Amino acid sequence: TEEKQQEIDFLVDSAEAAAQRITEAGGKIIVPPFEIQIGWCVVVQDPFGNPLVLLDMSKGPLTTDAEGNVI
């Protein structure tokens, strides 16, 4: 009964640097940068109120087997 807002994920070179650019353009940080398996993530809101998830792969991709399963 409640409308869910769509989540948009962007792969960026640096989650922290991308979040800074969003805030400089009038957006704001919703969830501060936090570590994930492949690097860093931050959730921002653009100047129009849309939430954006910014991810970087600064630690590199996960290792997978021939079938694509994470090992």
C-alpha atoms as a PDB file:
ATOM      1  CA  THR A   1       0.000   0.000   0.000  1.00  0.00           C
ATOM      2  CA  GLU A   2       3.006   2.268   0.291  1.00  0.00           C
ATOM      3  CA  GLU A   3       4.858   3.408  -2.779  1.00  0.00           C
ATOM      4  CA  LYS A   4       8.517   2.413  -2.647  1.00  0.00           C
ATOM      5  CA  GLN A   5      11.058   4.755  -4.140  1.00  0.00           C
ATOM      6  CA  GLN A   6      13.289   3.238  -6.783  1.00  0.00           C
ATOM      7  CA  GLU A   7      16.927   2.707  -5.797  1.00  0.00           C
ATOM      8  CA  ILE A   8      19.512   3.768  -8.337  1.00  0.00           C
ATOM      9  CA  ASP A   9      23.059   2.426  -7.935  1.00  0.00           C
ATOM     10  CA  PHE A  10      26.044   4.012  -9.658  1.00  0.00           C
ATOM     11  CA  LEU A  11      29.510   2.508  -9.946  1.00  0.00           C
ATOM     12  CA  VAL A  12      31.987   5.376  -9.500  1.00  0.00           C
ATOM     13  CA  ASP A  13      35.768   5.677  -9.235  1.00  0.00           C
ATOM     14  CA  SER A  14      35.532   6.979  -5.660  1.00  0.00           C
ATOM     15  CA  ALA A  15      32.331   6.904  -3.605  1.00  0.00           C
ATOM     16  CA  GLU A  16      33.613   9.628  -1.285  1.00  0.00           C
ATOM     17  CA  ALA A  17      34.664  11.962  -4.130  1.00  0.00           C
ATOM     18  CA  ALA A  18      31.363  11.415  -5.969  1.00  0.00           C
ATOM     19  CA  ALA A  19      29.398  12.168  -2.783  1.00  0.00           C
ATOM     20  CA  GLN A  20      31.361  15.386  -2.351  1.00  0.00           C
ATOM     21  CA  ARG A  21      30.461  16.460  -5.902  1.00  0.00           C
ATOM     22  CA  ILE A  22      26.771  15.742  -5.203  1.00  0.00           C
ATOM     23  CA  THR A  23      26.841  17.863  -2.027  1.00  0.00           C
ATOM     24  CA  GLU A  24      28.636  20.683  -3.859  1.00  0.00           C
ATOM     25  CA  ALA A  25      25.778  20.623  -6.397  1.00  0.00           C
ATOM     26  CA  GLY A  26      23.153  21.015  -3.657  1.00  0.00           C
ATOM     27  CA  GLY A  27      22.536  17.404  -2.660  1.00  0.00           C
ATOM     28  CA  LYS A  28      23.176  15.834   0.722  1.00  0.00           C
ATOM     29  CA  ILE A  29      24.630  12.684   2.244  1.00  0.00           C
ATOM     30  CA  ILE A  30      21.950  10.343   3.621  1.00  0.00           C
ATOM     31  CA  VAL A  31      24.246   7.504   4.778  1.00  0.00           C
ATOM     32  CA  PRO A  32      27.936   8.375   5.261  1.00  0.00           C
ATOM     33  CA  PRO A  33      30.592   6.307   3.447  1.00  0.00           C
ATOM     34  CA  PHE A  34      30.905   2.741   4.728  1.00  0.00           C
ATOM     35  CA  GLU A  35      33.066  -0.213   3.738  1.00  0.00           C
ATOM     36  CA  ILE A  36      31.717  -3.023   1.579  1.00  0.00           C
ATOM     37  CA  GLN A  37      33.459  -6.187   0.291  1.00  0.00           C
ATOM     38  CA  ILE A  38      34.571  -4.576  -2.960  1.00  0.00           C
ATOM     39  CA  GLY A  39      35.314  -1.041  -1.710  1.00  0.00           C
ATOM     40  CA  TRP A  40      33.134   1.776  -0.370  1.00  0.00           C
ATOM     41  CA  CYS A  41      29.476   2.803  -0.542  1.00  0.00           C
ATOM     42  CA  VAL A  42      27.630   6.028   0.295  1.00  0.00           C
ATOM     43  CA  VAL A  43      23.955   6.973  -0.078  1.00  0.00           C
ATOM     44  CA  VAL A  44      23.218  10.523  -1.186  1.00  0.00           C
ATOM     45  CA  GLN A  45      20.216  12.556  -2.199  1.00  0.00           C
ATOM     46  CA  ASP A  46      20.499  14.656  -5.336  1.00  0.00           C
ATOM     47  CA  PRO A  47      19.251  18.282  -5.383  1.00  0.00           C
ATOM     48  CA  PHE A  48      15.853  17.031  -6.612  1.00  0.00           C
ATOM     49  CA  GLY A  49      15.365  14.655  -3.658  1.00  0.00           C
ATOM     50  CA  ASN A  50      16.235  11.400  -5.439  1.00  0.00           C
ATOM     51  CA  PRO A  51      18.260   8.891  -3.394  1.00  0.00           C
ATOM     52  CA  LEU A  52      21.372   7.562  -5.140  1.00  0.00           C
ATOM     53  CA  VAL A  53      23.656   4.735  -4.015  1.00  0.00           C
ATOM     54  CA  LEU A  54      27.280   5.341  -5.010  1.00  0.00           C
ATOM     55  CA  LEU A  55      29.608   2.332  -5.030  1.00  0.00           C
ATOM     56  CA  ASP A  56      33.284   2.028  -5.822  1.00  0.00           C
ATOM     57  CA  MET A  57      35.411  -1.066  -6.391  1.00  0.00           C
ATOM     58  CA  SER A  58      38.570   0.252  -4.742  1.00  0.00           C
ATOM     59  CA  LYS A  59      39.256  -3.203  -3.227  1.00  0.00           C
ATOM     60  CA  GLY A  60      38.655  -5.002  -6.535  1.00  0.00           C
ATOM     61  CA  PRO A  61      35.967  -7.408  -7.716  1.00  0.00           C
ATOM     62  CA  LEU A  62      34.945 -10.549  -5.862  1.00  0.00           C
ATOM     63  CA  THR A  63      36.464 -13.831  -7.044  1.00  0.00           C
ATOM     64  CA  THR A  64      34.031 -16.175  -8.781  1.00  0.00           C
ATOM     65  CA  ASP A  65      34.137 -19.749 -10.074  1.00  0.00           C
ATOM     66  CA  ALA A  66      33.341 -20.829 -13.640  1.00  0.00           C
ATOM     67  CA  GLU A  67      29.588 -20.669 -12.930  1.00  0.00           C
ATOM     68  CA  GLY A  68      29.784 -17.137 -11.532  1.00  0.00           C
ATOM     69  CA  ASN A  69      29.407 -18.117  -7.882  1.00  0.00           C
ATOM     70  CA  VAL A  70      31.360 -16.006  -5.403  1.00  0.00           C
ATOM     71  CA  ILE A  71      34.128 -18.067  -3.802  1.00  0.00           C
END
